[in-house]
C-alpha cells in the first residue's frame, strides 16, 4: 500500500474548489440535468458529497482509531442527501461543502497519523475488515469519481447538440 501523503490531502483540499468551479452560478439545466432514470444530477452529487463529509470519512476514521474491529462503522445511507438538500440553493451547498471539508482535513491532520496507523483495522458493515489506509484512499478516489461524474453528466446535456462530433467525444457514451 502506498503511504498517505500530502498529495492525497491536496486532492481532498481541492475538491470543493473544483466542484464549485463546475457548478457555481450555472443554469438549472446544468445543475439538475441527469444521464437518465435513476441517476444523480450534479446538484445531487454535491448533496452526496456533503452527506459523506458529515457521516462517512472522519466519523469512520474515528471509529476505527478508537475501537478497531470491535465496533463496525455506522451504515452509510447513499441516498439520504436526496431529501435532505431538496430545494436548497447550489451556492449555499457549495459553501457548506467547502467548510465541512476544511473541518474534516483539520480533524484528519489532528489524528497525527504515522505510517503504521494506515494498517490499523476496522470493520465495515458490508465489506468486513478494512484498514485506515484503505478508508483514506477511498476518500480520495470517491472525490475524483464524483468530480468526473459531474463533468460527464454536464457533458451529456449537450449530447444531441454536438451532432456528428459525438463520434469523437467518448464522454457522451459513458
N, C-alpha and C. Protein backbone atom coordinates (compact mmCIF):
# COMPACT_ATOMS: atom_id res chain seq x y z
N UNK A 1 0.85 -1.19 0.00
CA UNK A 1 0.00 0.00 0.00
C UNK A 1 0.88 1.24 0.00
N UNK A 2 0.53 2.17 -0.84
CA UNK A 2 1.28 3.42 -0.88
C UNK A 2 0.98 4.23 0.38
N UNK A 3 1.93 4.98 0.87
CA UNK A 3 1.71 5.75 2.10
C UNK A 3 0.79 6.95 1.84
N UNK A 4 0.07 7.36 2.88
CA UNK A 4 -0.74 8.57 2.82
C UNK A 4 0.22 9.73 2.68
N UNK A 5 -0.13 10.68 1.83
CA UNK A 5 0.82 11.76 1.57
C UNK A 5 0.13 13.11 1.46
N UNK A 6 0.97 14.13 1.37
CA UNK A 6 0.44 15.48 1.19
C UNK A 6 -0.28 15.60 -0.15
N UNK A 7 0.10 14.77 -1.14
CA UNK A 7 -0.59 14.79 -2.42
C UNK A 7 -2.04 14.33 -2.26
N UNK A 8 -2.26 13.34 -1.41
CA UNK A 8 -3.62 12.87 -1.15
C UNK A 8 -4.44 13.99 -0.51
N UNK A 9 -3.86 14.64 0.47
CA UNK A 9 -4.54 15.76 1.11
C UNK A 9 -4.81 16.88 0.12
N UNK A 10 -3.88 17.11 -0.81
CA UNK A 10 -4.05 18.17 -1.80
C UNK A 10 -5.28 17.91 -2.67
N UNK A 11 -5.50 16.67 -3.05
CA UNK A 11 -6.69 16.35 -3.84
C UNK A 11 -7.94 16.64 -3.02
N UNK A 12 -7.96 16.15 -1.77
CA UNK A 12 -9.13 16.36 -0.92
C UNK A 12 -9.36 17.85 -0.67
N UNK A 13 -8.29 18.59 -0.52
CA UNK A 13 -8.41 20.03 -0.27
C UNK A 13 -8.97 20.76 -1.48
N UNK A 14 -8.62 20.31 -2.67
CA UNK A 14 -9.04 20.98 -3.90
C UNK A 14 -10.45 20.62 -4.35
N UNK A 15 -10.97 19.49 -3.92
CA UNK A 15 -12.27 19.04 -4.43
C UNK A 15 -13.35 20.10 -4.29
N UNK A 16 -13.54 20.74 -3.14
CA UNK A 16 -14.60 21.76 -3.07
C UNK A 16 -14.40 22.89 -4.09
N UNK A 17 -13.15 23.27 -4.35
CA UNK A 17 -12.89 24.33 -5.33
C UNK A 17 -13.25 23.86 -6.73
N UNK A 18 -12.90 22.62 -7.05
CA UNK A 18 -13.19 22.07 -8.38
C UNK A 18 -14.70 21.96 -8.58
N UNK A 19 -15.39 21.43 -7.57
CA UNK A 19 -16.85 21.29 -7.67
C UNK A 19 -17.50 22.66 -7.78
N UNK A 20 -17.01 23.61 -7.03
CA UNK A 20 -17.55 24.96 -7.11
C UNK A 20 -17.33 25.55 -8.50
N UNK A 21 -16.15 25.35 -9.07
CA UNK A 21 -15.87 25.86 -10.41
C UNK A 21 -16.80 25.22 -11.44
N UNK A 22 -17.16 23.97 -11.24
CA UNK A 22 -18.04 23.28 -12.18
C UNK A 22 -19.51 23.65 -12.01
N UNK A 23 -19.93 24.07 -10.80
CA UNK A 23 -21.36 24.22 -10.53
C UNK A 23 -21.84 25.63 -10.20
N UNK A 24 -20.99 26.46 -9.67
CA UNK A 24 -21.46 27.76 -9.17
C UNK A 24 -22.02 28.63 -10.30
N UNK A 25 -23.20 29.19 -10.04
CA UNK A 25 -23.87 30.14 -10.94
C UNK A 25 -24.25 29.55 -12.30
N UNK A 26 -24.46 28.24 -12.35
CA UNK A 26 -24.90 27.62 -13.60
C UNK A 26 -26.41 27.58 -13.69
N UNK A 27 -26.94 27.49 -14.91
CA UNK A 27 -28.39 27.37 -15.08
C UNK A 27 -28.86 26.00 -14.57
N UNK A 28 -30.15 25.95 -14.27
CA UNK A 28 -30.75 24.73 -13.74
C UNK A 28 -30.51 23.52 -14.63
N UNK A 29 -30.48 23.72 -15.94
CA UNK A 29 -30.29 22.59 -16.85
C UNK A 29 -28.96 21.88 -16.61
N UNK A 30 -27.92 22.62 -16.23
CA UNK A 30 -26.62 22.00 -15.97
C UNK A 30 -26.46 21.56 -14.52
N UNK A 31 -27.26 22.11 -13.63
CA UNK A 31 -27.22 21.68 -12.23
C UNK A 31 -28.10 20.46 -11.97
N UNK A 32 -29.22 20.39 -12.66
CA UNK A 32 -30.21 19.36 -12.35
C UNK A 32 -30.42 18.35 -13.48
N UNK A 33 -29.67 18.49 -14.56
CA UNK A 33 -29.76 17.52 -15.64
C UNK A 33 -29.24 16.16 -15.20
N UNK A 34 -29.72 15.13 -15.84
CA UNK A 34 -29.34 13.75 -15.49
C UNK A 34 -28.90 13.01 -16.74
N UNK A 35 -28.26 11.87 -16.50
CA UNK A 35 -27.89 10.98 -17.61
C UNK A 35 -29.04 10.08 -18.02
N UNK A 36 -29.99 9.91 -17.15
CA UNK A 36 -31.12 9.03 -17.43
C UNK A 36 -31.86 8.74 -16.14
N UNK A 37 -32.81 7.81 -16.19
CA UNK A 37 -33.55 7.46 -14.98
C UNK A 37 -32.62 6.86 -13.91
N UNK A 38 -32.96 7.12 -12.68
CA UNK A 38 -32.21 6.57 -11.54
C UNK A 38 -30.74 6.97 -11.54
N UNK A 39 -30.44 8.16 -12.03
CA UNK A 39 -29.09 8.70 -11.96
C UNK A 39 -29.14 10.02 -11.18
N UNK A 40 -28.00 10.48 -10.76
CA UNK A 40 -27.93 11.71 -9.98
C UNK A 40 -27.54 12.89 -10.86
N UNK A 41 -28.14 14.01 -10.55
CA UNK A 41 -27.74 15.27 -11.19
C UNK A 41 -26.48 15.78 -10.48
N UNK A 42 -25.76 16.73 -11.09
CA UNK A 42 -24.61 17.33 -10.40
C UNK A 42 -25.00 17.93 -9.03
N UNK A 43 -26.17 18.52 -8.94
CA UNK A 43 -26.63 19.06 -7.66
C UNK A 43 -26.76 17.95 -6.62
N UNK A 44 -27.30 16.82 -7.03
CA UNK A 44 -27.45 15.69 -6.10
C UNK A 44 -26.10 15.09 -5.72
N UNK A 45 -25.16 15.09 -6.64
CA UNK A 45 -23.81 14.63 -6.31
C UNK A 45 -23.22 15.53 -5.24
N UNK A 46 -23.42 16.83 -5.36
CA UNK A 46 -22.95 17.77 -4.34
C UNK A 46 -23.57 17.43 -2.99
N UNK A 47 -24.86 17.17 -2.95
CA UNK A 47 -25.50 16.78 -1.70
C UNK A 47 -24.91 15.50 -1.13
N UNK A 48 -24.61 14.55 -1.99
CA UNK A 48 -24.00 13.29 -1.57
C UNK A 48 -22.61 13.55 -0.96
N UNK A 49 -21.83 14.43 -1.57
CA UNK A 49 -20.51 14.75 -1.03
C UNK A 49 -20.63 15.38 0.37
N UNK A 50 -21.61 16.24 0.55
CA UNK A 50 -21.83 16.87 1.85
C UNK A 50 -22.25 15.82 2.88
N UNK A 51 -23.18 14.97 2.50
CA UNK A 51 -23.63 13.92 3.43
C UNK A 51 -22.46 13.03 3.84
N UNK A 52 -21.62 12.68 2.87
CA UNK A 52 -20.45 11.86 3.18
C UNK A 52 -19.47 12.57 4.10
N UNK A 53 -19.34 13.85 3.90
CA UNK A 53 -18.43 14.63 4.75
C UNK A 53 -18.91 14.61 6.20
N UNK A 54 -20.20 14.63 6.38
CA UNK A 54 -20.76 14.63 7.74
C UNK A 54 -20.75 13.25 8.39
N UNK A 55 -20.95 12.21 7.59
CA UNK A 55 -21.25 10.90 8.20
C UNK A 55 -20.31 9.76 7.81
N UNK A 56 -19.39 9.99 6.90
CA UNK A 56 -18.59 8.86 6.41
C UNK A 56 -17.13 8.95 6.82
N UNK A 57 -16.32 9.73 6.17
CA UNK A 57 -14.87 9.63 6.23
C UNK A 57 -14.29 9.83 7.63
N UNK A 58 -14.47 10.98 8.20
CA UNK A 58 -13.89 11.26 9.51
C UNK A 58 -14.61 10.48 10.61
N UNK A 59 -15.95 10.42 10.61
CA UNK A 59 -16.60 9.59 11.64
C UNK A 59 -16.13 8.13 11.60
N UNK A 60 -15.95 7.57 10.42
CA UNK A 60 -15.47 6.18 10.32
C UNK A 60 -14.02 6.06 10.75
N UNK A 61 -13.20 7.04 10.41
CA UNK A 61 -11.81 7.01 10.86
C UNK A 61 -11.75 7.05 12.38
N UNK A 62 -12.60 7.85 13.00
CA UNK A 62 -12.62 7.91 14.46
C UNK A 62 -13.02 6.57 15.07
N UNK A 63 -14.04 5.95 14.50
CA UNK A 63 -14.48 4.64 15.00
C UNK A 63 -13.33 3.65 14.88
N UNK A 64 -12.68 3.62 13.75
CA UNK A 64 -11.57 2.69 13.53
C UNK A 64 -10.45 2.95 14.53
N UNK A 65 -10.07 4.20 14.70
CA UNK A 65 -8.96 4.53 15.60
C UNK A 65 -9.31 4.26 17.06
N UNK A 66 -10.55 4.45 17.43
CA UNK A 66 -10.94 4.27 18.83
C UNK A 66 -11.32 2.84 19.17
N UNK A 67 -11.88 2.10 18.21
CA UNK A 67 -12.44 0.78 18.53
C UNK A 67 -11.86 -0.37 17.70
N UNK A 68 -11.10 -0.06 16.68
CA UNK A 68 -10.57 -1.12 15.83
C UNK A 68 -11.70 -1.93 15.22
N UNK A 69 -11.53 -3.24 15.20
CA UNK A 69 -12.55 -4.12 14.61
C UNK A 69 -13.68 -4.45 15.57
N UNK A 70 -13.57 -3.99 16.83
CA UNK A 70 -14.58 -4.32 17.83
C UNK A 70 -15.93 -3.65 17.56
N UNK A 71 -15.92 -2.55 16.84
CA UNK A 71 -17.17 -1.84 16.54
C UNK A 71 -17.22 -1.55 15.04
N UNK A 72 -18.27 -2.00 14.41
CA UNK A 72 -18.44 -1.74 12.97
C UNK A 72 -18.80 -0.28 12.74
N UNK A 73 -18.46 0.21 11.56
CA UNK A 73 -18.87 1.55 11.17
C UNK A 73 -20.39 1.61 11.11
N UNK A 74 -20.92 2.81 11.30
CA UNK A 74 -22.34 3.02 11.09
C UNK A 74 -22.63 2.82 9.61
N UNK A 75 -23.73 2.20 9.26
CA UNK A 75 -24.07 2.08 7.82
C UNK A 75 -24.21 3.46 7.20
N UNK A 76 -23.82 3.57 5.95
CA UNK A 76 -23.89 4.84 5.22
C UNK A 76 -25.08 4.78 4.27
N UNK A 77 -25.97 5.74 4.41
CA UNK A 77 -27.14 5.82 3.54
C UNK A 77 -26.75 6.64 2.31
N UNK A 78 -26.50 5.96 1.20
CA UNK A 78 -26.04 6.61 -0.02
C UNK A 78 -27.10 7.51 -0.65
N UNK A 79 -28.32 7.46 -0.16
CA UNK A 79 -29.40 8.24 -0.77
C UNK A 79 -30.02 9.27 0.17
N UNK A 80 -29.49 9.41 1.37
CA UNK A 80 -30.06 10.34 2.36
C UNK A 80 -30.08 11.78 1.86
N UNK A 81 -29.10 12.13 1.06
CA UNK A 81 -28.99 13.52 0.58
C UNK A 81 -30.12 13.92 -0.35
N UNK A 82 -30.80 12.96 -0.95
CA UNK A 82 -31.81 13.30 -1.95
C UNK A 82 -32.95 14.11 -1.36
N UNK A 83 -33.32 13.84 -0.13
CA UNK A 83 -34.38 14.62 0.53
C UNK A 83 -33.80 15.76 1.36
N UNK A 84 -32.64 15.52 1.94
CA UNK A 84 -32.04 16.49 2.85
C UNK A 84 -31.77 17.84 2.19
N UNK A 85 -31.36 17.85 0.93
CA UNK A 85 -30.94 19.09 0.29
C UNK A 85 -31.89 19.58 -0.78
N UNK A 86 -33.00 18.91 -0.92
CA UNK A 86 -34.01 19.30 -1.90
C UNK A 86 -34.45 20.75 -1.65
N UNK A 87 -34.49 21.55 -2.71
CA UNK A 87 -34.95 22.93 -2.59
C UNK A 87 -33.91 23.92 -2.11
N UNK A 88 -32.71 23.47 -1.79
CA UNK A 88 -31.66 24.39 -1.33
C UNK A 88 -30.95 25.00 -2.54
N UNK A 89 -30.28 26.09 -2.31
CA UNK A 89 -29.53 26.77 -3.37
C UNK A 89 -28.14 26.15 -3.51
N UNK A 90 -27.69 26.01 -4.74
CA UNK A 90 -26.38 25.41 -5.00
C UNK A 90 -25.26 26.21 -4.32
N UNK A 91 -25.31 27.53 -4.38
CA UNK A 91 -24.24 28.34 -3.78
C UNK A 91 -24.12 28.06 -2.28
N UNK A 92 -25.25 27.94 -1.62
CA UNK A 92 -25.25 27.63 -0.19
C UNK A 92 -24.59 26.27 0.07
N UNK A 93 -24.92 25.28 -0.75
CA UNK A 93 -24.36 23.95 -0.56
C UNK A 93 -22.88 23.90 -0.91
N UNK A 94 -22.47 24.64 -1.91
CA UNK A 94 -21.04 24.69 -2.25
C UNK A 94 -20.23 25.28 -1.10
N UNK A 95 -20.76 26.33 -0.49
CA UNK A 95 -20.08 26.94 0.66
C UNK A 95 -20.05 25.98 1.85
N UNK A 96 -21.16 25.28 2.06
CA UNK A 96 -21.22 24.30 3.15
C UNK A 96 -20.21 23.18 2.92
N UNK A 97 -20.14 22.66 1.71
CA UNK A 97 -19.18 21.59 1.42
C UNK A 97 -17.75 22.06 1.67
N UNK A 98 -17.42 23.26 1.23
CA UNK A 98 -16.06 23.79 1.45
C UNK A 98 -15.74 23.88 2.94
N UNK A 99 -16.70 24.37 3.73
CA UNK A 99 -16.46 24.49 5.17
C UNK A 99 -16.30 23.12 5.82
N UNK A 100 -17.19 22.19 5.49
CA UNK A 100 -17.11 20.86 6.08
C UNK A 100 -15.82 20.15 5.70
N UNK A 101 -15.38 20.32 4.45
CA UNK A 101 -14.14 19.68 4.03
C UNK A 101 -12.95 20.26 4.79
N UNK A 102 -12.92 21.58 4.98
CA UNK A 102 -11.83 22.18 5.76
C UNK A 102 -11.81 21.58 7.16
N UNK A 103 -12.99 21.44 7.76
CA UNK A 103 -13.07 20.87 9.11
C UNK A 103 -12.62 19.41 9.11
N UNK A 104 -12.97 18.67 8.08
CA UNK A 104 -12.55 17.26 8.00
C UNK A 104 -11.04 17.14 7.90
N UNK A 105 -10.43 17.99 7.10
CA UNK A 105 -8.98 17.91 6.94
C UNK A 105 -8.26 18.33 8.22
N UNK A 106 -8.80 19.28 8.93
CA UNK A 106 -8.22 19.65 10.23
C UNK A 106 -8.30 18.45 11.17
N UNK A 107 -9.45 17.78 11.19
CA UNK A 107 -9.61 16.59 12.05
C UNK A 107 -8.65 15.48 11.64
N UNK A 108 -8.53 15.24 10.33
CA UNK A 108 -7.64 14.19 9.85
C UNK A 108 -6.20 14.49 10.25
N UNK A 109 -5.79 15.72 10.09
CA UNK A 109 -4.42 16.08 10.47
C UNK A 109 -4.23 15.96 11.98
N UNK A 110 -5.30 16.22 12.72
CA UNK A 110 -5.26 16.12 14.17
C UNK A 110 -5.07 14.69 14.68
N UNK A 111 -5.33 13.71 13.83
CA UNK A 111 -5.09 12.32 14.24
C UNK A 111 -3.60 12.05 14.41
N UNK A 112 -2.74 12.87 13.81
CA UNK A 112 -1.30 12.67 13.92
C UNK A 112 -0.87 11.31 13.39
N UNK A 113 -1.40 10.93 12.26
CA UNK A 113 -1.17 9.58 11.73
C UNK A 113 0.30 9.34 11.38
N UNK A 114 0.74 8.15 11.74
CA UNK A 114 2.06 7.65 11.37
C UNK A 114 1.85 6.56 10.33
N UNK A 115 2.87 6.22 9.55
CA UNK A 115 2.71 5.19 8.52
C UNK A 115 2.09 3.89 9.04
N UNK A 116 2.46 3.47 10.23
CA UNK A 116 1.91 2.22 10.78
C UNK A 116 0.41 2.32 11.05
N UNK A 117 -0.09 3.53 11.30
CA UNK A 117 -1.53 3.71 11.56
C UNK A 117 -2.38 3.33 10.35
N UNK A 118 -1.82 3.44 9.16
CA UNK A 118 -2.58 3.12 7.95
C UNK A 118 -2.94 1.64 7.88
N UNK A 119 -2.24 0.81 8.63
CA UNK A 119 -2.54 -0.63 8.66
C UNK A 119 -3.55 -0.99 9.75
N UNK A 120 -3.93 -0.02 10.57
CA UNK A 120 -4.91 -0.30 11.62
C UNK A 120 -6.22 -0.73 10.98
N UNK A 121 -6.87 -1.67 11.63
CA UNK A 121 -8.04 -2.30 11.03
C UNK A 121 -9.33 -1.89 11.72
N UNK A 122 -10.36 -1.81 10.90
CA UNK A 122 -11.71 -1.55 11.37
C UNK A 122 -12.66 -2.50 10.67
N UNK A 123 -13.95 -2.32 10.96
CA UNK A 123 -14.93 -3.24 10.38
C UNK A 123 -16.04 -2.46 9.68
N UNK A 124 -16.13 -2.68 8.38
CA UNK A 124 -17.18 -2.09 7.56
C UNK A 124 -18.40 -3.00 7.65
N UNK A 125 -19.62 -2.44 7.74
CA UNK A 125 -20.80 -3.29 7.92
C UNK A 125 -21.09 -4.23 6.75
N UNK A 126 -20.60 -3.93 5.56
CA UNK A 126 -20.83 -4.79 4.40
C UNK A 126 -19.55 -5.45 3.89
N UNK A 127 -18.45 -4.73 3.96
CA UNK A 127 -17.20 -5.21 3.36
C UNK A 127 -16.32 -6.01 4.31
N UNK A 128 -16.61 -5.94 5.59
CA UNK A 128 -15.79 -6.66 6.57
C UNK A 128 -14.58 -5.84 6.97
N UNK A 129 -13.46 -6.54 7.18
CA UNK A 129 -12.26 -5.89 7.67
C UNK A 129 -11.65 -4.97 6.60
N UNK A 130 -11.36 -3.74 7.02
CA UNK A 130 -10.73 -2.74 6.17
C UNK A 130 -9.65 -2.05 6.99
N UNK A 131 -8.73 -1.37 6.31
CA UNK A 131 -7.69 -0.62 7.03
C UNK A 131 -7.95 0.87 6.92
N UNK A 132 -7.32 1.61 7.80
CA UNK A 132 -7.43 3.06 7.75
C UNK A 132 -6.87 3.58 6.43
N UNK A 133 -5.78 3.00 5.96
CA UNK A 133 -5.21 3.41 4.68
C UNK A 133 -6.19 3.22 3.54
N UNK A 134 -6.93 2.11 3.57
CA UNK A 134 -7.93 1.87 2.53
C UNK A 134 -9.06 2.89 2.61
N UNK A 135 -9.49 3.21 3.82
CA UNK A 135 -10.55 4.21 4.00
C UNK A 135 -10.11 5.56 3.45
N UNK A 136 -8.90 5.98 3.78
CA UNK A 136 -8.42 7.29 3.33
C UNK A 136 -8.21 7.31 1.81
N UNK A 137 -7.69 6.23 1.25
CA UNK A 137 -7.52 6.16 -0.21
C UNK A 137 -8.88 6.18 -0.90
N UNK A 138 -9.87 5.53 -0.31
CA UNK A 138 -11.21 5.52 -0.87
C UNK A 138 -11.81 6.92 -0.87
N UNK A 139 -11.53 7.69 0.17
CA UNK A 139 -12.00 9.07 0.24
C UNK A 139 -11.49 9.87 -0.97
N UNK A 140 -10.21 9.71 -1.29
CA UNK A 140 -9.62 10.42 -2.44
C UNK A 140 -10.27 9.96 -3.75
N UNK A 141 -10.37 8.65 -3.94
CA UNK A 141 -10.92 8.12 -5.19
C UNK A 141 -12.40 8.47 -5.30
N UNK A 142 -13.12 8.45 -4.19
CA UNK A 142 -14.53 8.84 -4.17
C UNK A 142 -14.69 10.28 -4.69
N UNK A 143 -13.85 11.18 -4.20
CA UNK A 143 -13.89 12.56 -4.68
C UNK A 143 -13.65 12.62 -6.19
N UNK A 144 -12.57 11.99 -6.63
CA UNK A 144 -12.23 12.03 -8.05
C UNK A 144 -13.34 11.44 -8.92
N UNK A 145 -13.94 10.36 -8.45
CA UNK A 145 -15.03 9.73 -9.19
C UNK A 145 -16.23 10.65 -9.34
N UNK A 146 -16.55 11.36 -8.27
CA UNK A 146 -17.71 12.25 -8.34
C UNK A 146 -17.42 13.53 -9.13
N UNK A 147 -16.18 14.01 -9.12
CA UNK A 147 -15.82 15.13 -9.99
C UNK A 147 -15.99 14.71 -11.44
N UNK A 148 -15.51 13.52 -11.77
CA UNK A 148 -15.67 13.00 -13.14
C UNK A 148 -17.15 12.83 -13.48
N UNK A 149 -17.93 12.36 -12.52
CA UNK A 149 -19.37 12.17 -12.75
C UNK A 149 -20.04 13.50 -13.05
N UNK A 150 -19.73 14.52 -12.29
CA UNK A 150 -20.33 15.84 -12.52
C UNK A 150 -20.02 16.31 -13.94
N UNK A 151 -18.76 16.22 -14.33
CA UNK A 151 -18.37 16.66 -15.67
C UNK A 151 -19.06 15.83 -16.75
N UNK A 152 -19.15 14.53 -16.53
CA UNK A 152 -19.79 13.64 -17.51
C UNK A 152 -21.28 13.97 -17.66
N UNK A 153 -21.96 14.17 -16.55
CA UNK A 153 -23.39 14.48 -16.60
C UNK A 153 -23.62 15.81 -17.30
N UNK A 154 -22.77 16.80 -17.01
CA UNK A 154 -22.90 18.08 -17.69
C UNK A 154 -22.65 17.93 -19.19
N UNK A 155 -21.63 17.17 -19.56
CA UNK A 155 -21.34 16.95 -20.99
C UNK A 155 -22.52 16.30 -21.69
N UNK A 156 -23.17 15.39 -21.02
CA UNK A 156 -24.28 14.67 -21.66
C UNK A 156 -25.47 15.57 -21.94
N UNK A 157 -25.54 16.72 -21.30
CA UNK A 157 -26.62 17.66 -21.59
C UNK A 157 -26.47 18.23 -23.00
N UNK A 158 -25.29 18.12 -23.56
CA UNK A 158 -25.00 18.61 -24.91
C UNK A 158 -25.01 17.48 -25.95
N UNK A 159 -25.38 16.28 -25.53
CA UNK A 159 -25.25 15.09 -26.37
C UNK A 159 -25.77 15.21 -27.78
N UNK A 160 -26.98 15.70 -27.95
CA UNK A 160 -27.53 15.80 -29.31
C UNK A 160 -27.06 17.06 -30.01
N UNK A 161 -26.62 18.06 -29.26
CA UNK A 161 -26.22 19.33 -29.85
C UNK A 161 -24.90 19.24 -30.62
N UNK A 162 -24.06 18.28 -30.31
CA UNK A 162 -22.74 18.21 -30.94
C UNK A 162 -22.78 17.56 -32.32
N UNK A 163 -23.91 16.98 -32.66
CA UNK A 163 -24.05 16.36 -33.98
C UNK A 163 -23.02 15.28 -34.23
N UNK A 164 -22.44 15.24 -35.41
CA UNK A 164 -21.53 14.16 -35.75
C UNK A 164 -20.25 14.14 -34.93
N UNK A 165 -19.89 15.27 -34.29
CA UNK A 165 -18.70 15.28 -33.45
C UNK A 165 -18.83 14.33 -32.25
N UNK A 166 -20.04 13.91 -31.96
CA UNK A 166 -20.23 12.95 -30.89
C UNK A 166 -19.37 11.71 -31.06
N UNK A 167 -19.06 11.35 -32.28
CA UNK A 167 -18.21 10.19 -32.54
C UNK A 167 -16.82 10.36 -31.93
N UNK A 168 -16.38 11.61 -31.72
CA UNK A 168 -15.06 11.89 -31.15
C UNK A 168 -15.10 12.22 -29.66
N UNK A 169 -16.26 12.12 -29.05
CA UNK A 169 -16.43 12.55 -27.66
C UNK A 169 -16.88 11.37 -26.79
N UNK A 170 -15.96 10.54 -26.35
CA UNK A 170 -16.33 9.36 -25.57
C UNK A 170 -17.06 9.69 -24.27
N UNK A 171 -16.90 10.89 -23.74
CA UNK A 171 -17.61 11.26 -22.51
C UNK A 171 -19.12 11.17 -22.69
N UNK A 172 -19.58 11.29 -23.93
CA UNK A 172 -21.02 11.22 -24.18
C UNK A 172 -21.55 9.79 -24.23
N UNK A 173 -20.65 8.82 -24.34
CA UNK A 173 -21.07 7.42 -24.44
C UNK A 173 -20.89 6.64 -23.16
N UNK A 174 -20.34 7.23 -22.15
CA UNK A 174 -20.10 6.61 -20.85
C UNK A 174 -19.29 5.38 -21.00
